[in-house]
Protein backbone atom coordinates (compact mmCIF):
# COMPACT_ATOMS: atom_id res chain seq x y z
CA UNK A 1 -0.06 0.13 -0.13
CA UNK A 2 1.19 3.68 -0.64
CA UNK A 3 2.21 5.15 2.48
CA UNK A 4 3.45 2.16 4.38
CA UNK A 5 6.60 0.20 4.17
CA UNK A 6 8.37 -2.51 6.06
CA UNK A 7 11.70 -1.36 7.47
CA UNK A 8 14.47 -3.91 7.42
CA UNK A 9 16.42 -4.04 10.73
CA UNK A 10 19.98 -2.81 10.46
CA UNK A 11 23.01 -4.38 12.09
CA UNK A 12 22.85 -5.16 15.81
CA UNK A 13 25.74 -2.63 16.30
CA UNK A 14 23.36 0.22 14.75
CA UNK A 15 20.80 -0.77 17.37
CA UNK A 16 23.27 -0.34 20.39
CA UNK A 17 24.25 -3.84 20.76
CA UNK A 18 27.83 -4.79 20.33
CA UNK A 19 28.70 -6.95 17.45
CA UNK A 20 30.83 -9.98 18.50
CA UNK A 21 32.24 -10.49 15.01
CA UNK A 22 34.21 -13.51 14.04
CA UNK A 23 36.66 -13.37 16.98
CA UNK A 24 34.63 -11.17 19.66
CA UNK A 25 34.18 -14.15 22.05
CA UNK A 26 37.93 -14.61 22.24
CA UNK A 27 38.51 -10.70 22.51
CA UNK A 28 36.12 -10.48 25.64
CA UNK A 29 37.73 -13.57 27.12
CA UNK A 30 41.39 -12.14 26.78
CA UNK A 31 39.96 -8.63 28.07
CA UNK A 32 38.58 -10.52 31.36
CA UNK A 33 41.88 -12.31 31.93
CA UNK A 34 43.87 -9.26 31.48
CA UNK A 35 41.69 -7.45 34.19
CA UNK A 36 42.17 -10.36 36.59
CA UNK A 37 45.90 -10.62 35.95
CA UNK A 38 46.13 -6.81 36.53
CA UNK A 39 44.25 -7.28 39.92
CA UNK A 40 46.52 -10.07 41.04
CA UNK A 41 49.72 -8.29 40.13
CA UNK A 42 48.50 -5.20 41.94
CA UNK A 43 47.63 -7.52 45.07
CA UNK A 44 51.00 -8.91 44.88
CA UNK A 45 52.59 -5.63 45.00
CA UNK A 46 50.78 -4.68 48.12
CA UNK A 47 51.92 -7.95 50.03
CA UNK A 48 55.41 -6.54 50.82
CA UNK A 49 53.80 -3.22 51.88
CA UNK A 50 51.38 -5.07 54.01
CA UNK A 51 54.05 -7.32 55.69
CA UNK A 52 56.17 -4.16 56.21
CA UNK A 53 53.15 -2.33 57.87
CA UNK A 54 52.43 -5.28 59.96
CA UNK A 55 56.00 -5.52 61.14
CA UNK A 56 55.83 -1.91 62.01
CA UNK A 57 52.60 -2.23 63.88
CA UNK A 58 54.15 -5.23 66.03
CA UNK A 59 57.26 -3.25 66.84
CA UNK A 60 54.86 -0.23 68.13
CA UNK A 61 53.35 -2.90 70.33
CA UNK A 62 56.32 -4.57 71.70
CA UNK A 63 58.98 -1.87 71.60
CA UNK A 64 58.87 -1.07 75.34
CA UNK A 65 59.56 -4.75 76.29
CA UNK A 66 62.15 -5.71 73.70
CA UNK A 67 65.18 -5.91 76.27
CA UNK A 68 63.26 -8.22 78.68
CA UNK A 69 60.83 -10.12 76.33
CA UNK A 70 62.79 -10.50 73.19
CA UNK A 71 66.54 -10.14 73.59
CA UNK A 72 67.33 -12.64 76.33
CA UNK A 73 65.58 -15.66 74.60
CA UNK A 74 67.70 -14.94 71.42
CA UNK A 75 70.87 -14.32 73.24
CA UNK A 76 70.55 -17.55 75.14
CA UNK A 77 69.84 -19.58 72.03
CA UNK A 78 73.02 -18.12 70.38
CA UNK A 79 75.03 -18.63 73.64
CA UNK A 80 74.02 -22.37 73.84
CA UNK A 81 74.72 -22.59 69.89
CA UNK A 82 78.23 -21.39 70.38
CA UNK A 83 78.84 -23.69 73.54
CA UNK A 84 77.85 -26.67 71.42
CA UNK A 85 79.88 -25.47 68.38
CA UNK A 86 77.14 -25.83 65.90
CA UNK A 87 78.14 -25.83 62.17
CA UNK A 88 77.66 -22.48 60.39
CA UNK A 89 74.60 -23.42 58.39
CA UNK A 90 72.73 -24.78 61.33
CA UNK A 91 74.00 -21.77 63.41
CA UNK A 92 72.16 -19.51 61.02
CA UNK A 93 69.07 -21.47 60.95
CA UNK A 94 68.84 -21.84 64.67
CA UNK A 95 69.40 -17.95 65.05
CA UNK A 96 66.76 -17.27 62.34
CA UNK A 97 64.17 -19.55 64.23
CA UNK A 98 65.06 -17.94 67.52
CA UNK A 99 64.28 -14.51 66.01
CA UNK A 100 60.82 -15.66 64.95
CA UNK A 101 60.02 -17.56 67.93
CA UNK A 102 60.67 -14.95 70.36
CA UNK A 103 59.20 -12.00 68.37
CA UNK A 104 55.94 -14.05 68.61
CA UNK A 105 56.65 -14.82 72.23
CA UNK A 106 56.65 -11.30 73.13
CA UNK A 107 54.01 -10.15 70.65
CA UNK A 108 51.37 -12.69 71.80
CA UNK A 109 51.88 -11.14 75.31
CA UNK A 110 51.87 -7.49 74.35
CA UNK A 111 48.66 -7.73 72.24
CA UNK A 112 46.52 -9.29 74.94
CA UNK A 113 48.15 -7.25 77.59
CA UNK A 114 47.37 -3.79 75.88
CA UNK A 115 43.83 -5.04 74.94
CA UNK A 116 43.16 -5.80 78.66
CA UNK A 117 44.92 -2.67 80.02
CA UNK A 118 43.81 0.14 77.75
CA UNK A 119 42.67 2.23 80.65
CA UNK A 120 45.84 1.83 82.57
CA UNK A 121 47.77 2.67 79.55
CA UNK A 122 45.84 5.76 79.06
CA UNK A 123 47.26 6.99 82.51
CA UNK A 124 50.71 5.19 82.65
CA UNK A 125 51.80 4.56 78.95
CA UNK A 126 49.91 6.93 76.69
CA UNK A 127 52.22 6.28 73.71
CA UNK A 128 50.92 2.77 73.16
CA UNK A 129 49.35 2.25 69.72
CA UNK A 130 45.88 1.56 71.29
CA UNK A 131 45.90 4.83 73.18
CA UNK A 132 47.31 6.85 70.42
CA UNK A 133 44.89 5.33 67.90
CA UNK A 134 47.70 3.76 65.45
CA UNK A 135 45.76 0.44 65.79
CA UNK A 136 42.14 -0.16 66.38
CA UNK A 137 40.66 -2.52 68.90
CA UNK A 138 39.07 -4.83 66.29
CA UNK A 139 42.36 -5.03 64.40
CA UNK A 140 44.19 -5.78 67.41
CA UNK A 141 41.94 -8.62 68.52
CA UNK A 142 42.44 -10.09 64.96
CA UNK A 143 46.09 -9.93 65.20
CA UNK A 144 46.05 -11.52 68.63
CA UNK A 145 43.97 -14.59 67.12
CA UNK A 146 46.55 -14.83 64.36
CA UNK A 147 49.58 -14.80 66.65
CA UNK A 148 47.94 -17.00 69.24
CA UNK A 149 47.59 -19.54 66.40
CA UNK A 150 50.93 -18.91 64.77
CA UNK A 151 53.07 -19.01 67.81
CA UNK A 152 52.41 -22.83 68.79
CA UNK A 153 52.63 -23.78 65.11
CA UNK A 154 56.10 -22.23 64.82
CA UNK A 155 57.07 -23.92 68.32
CA UNK A 156 55.72 -27.39 66.72
CA UNK A 157 57.97 -26.84 63.86
CA UNK A 158 60.89 -26.00 66.06
CA UNK A 159 60.20 -28.86 68.55
CA UNK A 160 59.19 -26.58 71.51
CA UNK A 161 55.43 -26.52 71.21
CA UNK A 162 54.75 -27.41 74.76
CA UNK A 163 56.60 -24.38 75.98
CA UNK A 164 54.57 -22.23 73.49
CA UNK A 165 51.32 -23.48 74.77
CA UNK A 166 52.17 -22.98 78.53
CA UNK A 167 53.31 -19.45 77.82
CA UNK A 168 50.11 -18.79 76.07
CA UNK A 169 47.97 -20.10 79.04
CA UNK A 170 50.23 -17.99 81.49
CA UNK A 171 49.88 -14.94 79.42
CA UNK A 172 46.17 -15.05 79.46
CA UNK A 173 46.24 -15.72 83.19
CA UNK A 174 48.26 -12.51 83.60
CA UNK A 175 46.39 -10.47 81.08
CA UNK A 176 42.85 -11.40 81.85
CA UNK A 177 42.84 -10.34 85.63
CA UNK A 178 45.63 -12.32 87.24
CA UNK A 179 47.98 -9.35 87.22
CA UNK A 180 45.85 -7.24 89.51
CA UNK A 181 47.41 -8.73 92.55
CA UNK A 182 51.24 -8.66 93.06
CA UNK A 183 51.80 -12.18 93.99
CA UNK A 184 50.12 -13.55 90.72
CA UNK A 185 51.81 -10.79 88.74
CA UNK A 186 55.23 -11.58 90.19
CA UNK A 187 54.86 -15.28 89.75
CA UNK A 188 53.65 -15.00 86.15
CA UNK A 189 56.76 -12.78 85.16
CA UNK A 190 59.07 -15.16 87.05
CA UNK A 191 57.45 -18.11 85.22
CA UNK A 192 58.06 -16.31 81.88
CA UNK A 193 61.83 -16.86 82.41
CA UNK A 194 61.98 -20.56 82.17
CA UNK A 195 59.18 -20.34 79.61
CA UNK A 196 61.68 -18.14 77.58
CA UNK A 197 65.09 -19.77 78.28
CA UNK A 198 63.83 -23.21 78.03
CA UNK A 199 62.68 -23.27 74.57
CA UNK A 200 65.89 -21.10 73.82
CA UNK A 201 68.13 -23.82 75.08
CA UNK A 202 66.09 -26.82 73.72
CA UNK A 203 66.11 -25.35 70.08
CA UNK A 204 69.81 -26.41 70.30
CA UNK A 205 70.22 -29.06 72.88
CA UNK A 206 68.41 -31.07 75.51
CA UNK A 207 67.98 -29.36 78.80
CA UNK A 208 70.46 -30.37 81.57
CA UNK A 209 71.18 -29.49 85.18
CA UNK A 210 73.04 -26.55 83.97
CA UNK A 211 70.14 -25.13 82.05
CA UNK A 212 67.86 -25.86 84.96
CA UNK A 213 70.23 -23.84 87.44
CA UNK A 214 70.13 -20.99 85.20
CA UNK A 215 66.45 -20.95 84.72
CA UNK A 216 65.40 -21.48 88.46
CA UNK A 217 67.81 -18.89 89.75
CA UNK A 218 66.76 -16.29 87.42
CA UNK A 219 63.16 -17.04 87.93
CA UNK A 220 63.47 -16.65 91.65
CA UNK A 221 65.41 -13.50 91.46
CA UNK A 222 62.75 -11.98 89.13
CA UNK A 223 60.01 -12.74 91.45
CA UNK A 224 61.70 -10.97 94.36
CA UNK A 225 62.98 -7.88 92.33
CA UNK A 226 60.29 -7.51 89.64
CA UNK A 227 58.47 -4.97 91.92
CA UNK A 228 61.02 -2.46 90.68
CA UNK A 229 58.86 -2.34 87.53
CA UNK A 230 55.69 -0.98 89.58
CA UNK A 231 57.44 2.10 91.03
CA UNK A 232 56.89 3.98 87.75
CA UNK A 233 53.16 3.24 87.52
CA UNK A 234 52.03 3.90 90.95
CA UNK A 235 49.45 6.51 90.23
CA UNK A 236 47.69 4.55 87.30
CA UNK A 237 47.63 1.25 89.54
CA UNK A 238 46.26 3.08 92.30
CA UNK A 239 43.59 4.66 90.28
CA UNK A 240 42.68 1.26 88.65
CA UNK A 241 42.60 -0.66 91.75
CA UNK A 242 45.63 -2.78 90.88
CA UNK A 243 47.30 -4.16 93.92
CA UNK A 244 51.17 -4.15 93.26
CA UNK A 245 54.05 -4.88 95.72
CA UNK A 246 54.59 -1.20 96.41
CA UNK A 247 51.00 -0.45 96.94
CA UNK A 248 50.47 -3.60 99.28
CA UNK A 249 53.47 -2.88 101.51
CA UNK A 250 53.99 0.92 101.09
CA UNK A 251 56.35 2.73 98.82
CA UNK A 252 59.20 3.48 101.39
CA UNK A 253 59.47 -0.33 102.40
CA UNK A 254 59.32 -1.39 98.81
CA UNK A 255 62.11 0.94 97.73
CA UNK A 256 64.26 -0.29 100.90
CA UNK A 257 63.44 -3.77 100.18
CA UNK A 258 64.56 -3.35 96.37
CA UNK A 259 67.77 -1.58 97.42
CA UNK A 260 68.95 -4.37 99.71
CA UNK A 261 67.93 -6.94 97.22
CA UNK A 262 69.74 -5.54 94.20
CA UNK A 263 72.72 -4.87 96.43
CA UNK A 264 72.89 -8.47 97.22
CA UNK A 265 72.22 -9.68 93.61
CA UNK A 266 75.70 -9.95 92.48
CA UNK A 267 76.45 -12.68 95.02
CA UNK A 268 73.62 -14.65 93.52
CA UNK A 269 75.09 -14.17 90.14
CA UNK A 270 78.44 -15.29 91.28
CA UNK A 271 77.49 -18.35 93.29
CA UNK A 272 74.62 -19.72 91.39
CA UNK A 273 74.83 -18.54 87.70
CA UNK A 274 78.06 -17.21 86.40
CA UNK A 275 80.30 -19.05 89.07
CA UNK A 276 83.68 -17.52 88.06
CA UNK A 277 86.67 -19.48 88.69
CA UNK A 278 90.27 -18.06 89.71
CA UNK A 279 91.59 -19.01 86.49
CA UNK A 280 88.73 -17.45 84.21
CA UNK A 281 89.25 -13.76 83.77
CA UNK A 282 86.50 -13.48 81.15
CA UNK A 283 83.91 -14.81 83.74
CA UNK A 284 85.14 -12.31 86.25
CA UNK A 285 84.62 -9.44 83.83
CA UNK A 286 81.24 -10.65 83.15
CA UNK A 287 80.47 -10.80 86.73
CA UNK A 288 81.94 -7.18 87.45
CA UNK A 289 79.76 -5.85 84.48
CA UNK A 290 76.70 -7.49 85.94
CA UNK A 291 77.40 -6.37 89.50
CA UNK A 292 77.85 -2.68 88.38
CA UNK A 293 74.45 -2.84 86.57
CA UNK A 294 72.92 -4.36 89.77
CA UNK A 295 74.48 -1.57 92.14
CA UNK A 296 73.45 1.24 89.98
CA UNK A 297 69.84 -0.04 90.34
CA UNK A 298 70.39 -0.36 94.12
CA UNK A 299 71.54 3.35 94.26
CA UNK A 300 68.92 4.60 92.00
CA UNK A 301 65.82 2.85 93.51
CA UNK A 302 65.64 4.82 96.86
CA UNK A 303 65.36 8.11 95.15
CA UNK A 304 61.82 9.19 94.72
CA UNK A 305 62.28 11.74 91.80
CA UNK A 306 59.42 11.12 89.30
CA UNK A 307 57.87 8.13 87.31
CA UNK A 308 60.23 8.83 84.26
CA UNK A 309 63.21 8.25 86.52
CA UNK A 310 61.65 5.24 88.05
CA UNK A 311 61.21 3.93 84.39
CA UNK A 312 64.75 4.41 83.74
CA UNK A 313 65.74 2.45 86.86
CA UNK A 314 63.54 -0.50 85.65
CA UNK A 315 65.37 -0.27 82.33
CA UNK A 316 68.66 -0.87 83.96
CA UNK A 317 67.02 -4.20 85.49
CA UNK A 318 66.12 -5.19 81.98
CA UNK A 319 69.83 -4.50 80.95
CA UNK A 320 70.85 -6.73 83.98
CA UNK A 321 68.72 -9.59 82.54
CA UNK A 322 70.10 -9.22 79.00
CA UNK A 323 73.71 -8.91 80.25
CA UNK A 324 73.31 -12.00 82.55
CA UNK A 325 72.03 -14.06 79.63
CA UNK A 326 74.78 -12.64 77.39
CA UNK A 327 77.24 -14.06 80.00
CA UNK A 328 76.17 -17.53 78.50
CA UNK A 329 78.63 -16.89 75.82
CA UNK A 330 81.42 -16.95 78.19
CA UNK A 331 80.31 -19.10 81.05
CA UNK A 332 78.78 -22.12 79.60
């Protein structure tokens, strides 16, 4: 009929629908694969950054306790390795294993400690990452879950998993309420010494009488003298209801007690740990060095200046612990 016509549809591309063409399917597939490969490549490039970030965050959590919670374990492993004359290849492997193990040893403790003690840290240690906002509480909980899982697995790979599990149990006891009384707090910290030095030694050789002599002596010494740690935190501990040794017995008595204890500690070092003999000048040098550290603490601890001064006094105690373990290179 005049005035009507039937329109023939044009190509699909004209109607706004993409035309696949002869090789269109393959092109789409290749494009998708390219996008996927690009995403994977970008993710892989982020992995080193993410690992670096997590190492930095872990350092922020542990940096205040490295001298007491990390260095002595590694030093004991190396000292025992030197004593047993390990071949170079095994020495390097043991050293690397010790670094990984004791970083997790300290990190597991610090994560749960700072999660549980946020209010006290706001008063006593405002530089910690949960207080400053560098780490969120939720992310810290996930870090704790990961490290609490990884730590015994690393211990299992090194043949010391029992020590790792006991340390995790002791950590939870301390951080989930046990540390609120000085007896439990001091006992947990003193137990931490054999739970550190035991696996440090066992990574290299079986434990013997000499190893147990070191561990028991240092643990008892720590139980008696660790209240020096509490002198710097009196205000925050009193505000949060924590009953530390100085608060239980009074600050003047605690300072006098600790002064006498640190004054006598070099004799413990001599008779029970280093045991220098007349024909061993290196051992006598080690004893002299650790004695100086003890007497510096004994001189400082009665002086009530401020919390920063007491914190530095506690640092000297940490240096003594690292130094006495370092003496293993000479005396074992």
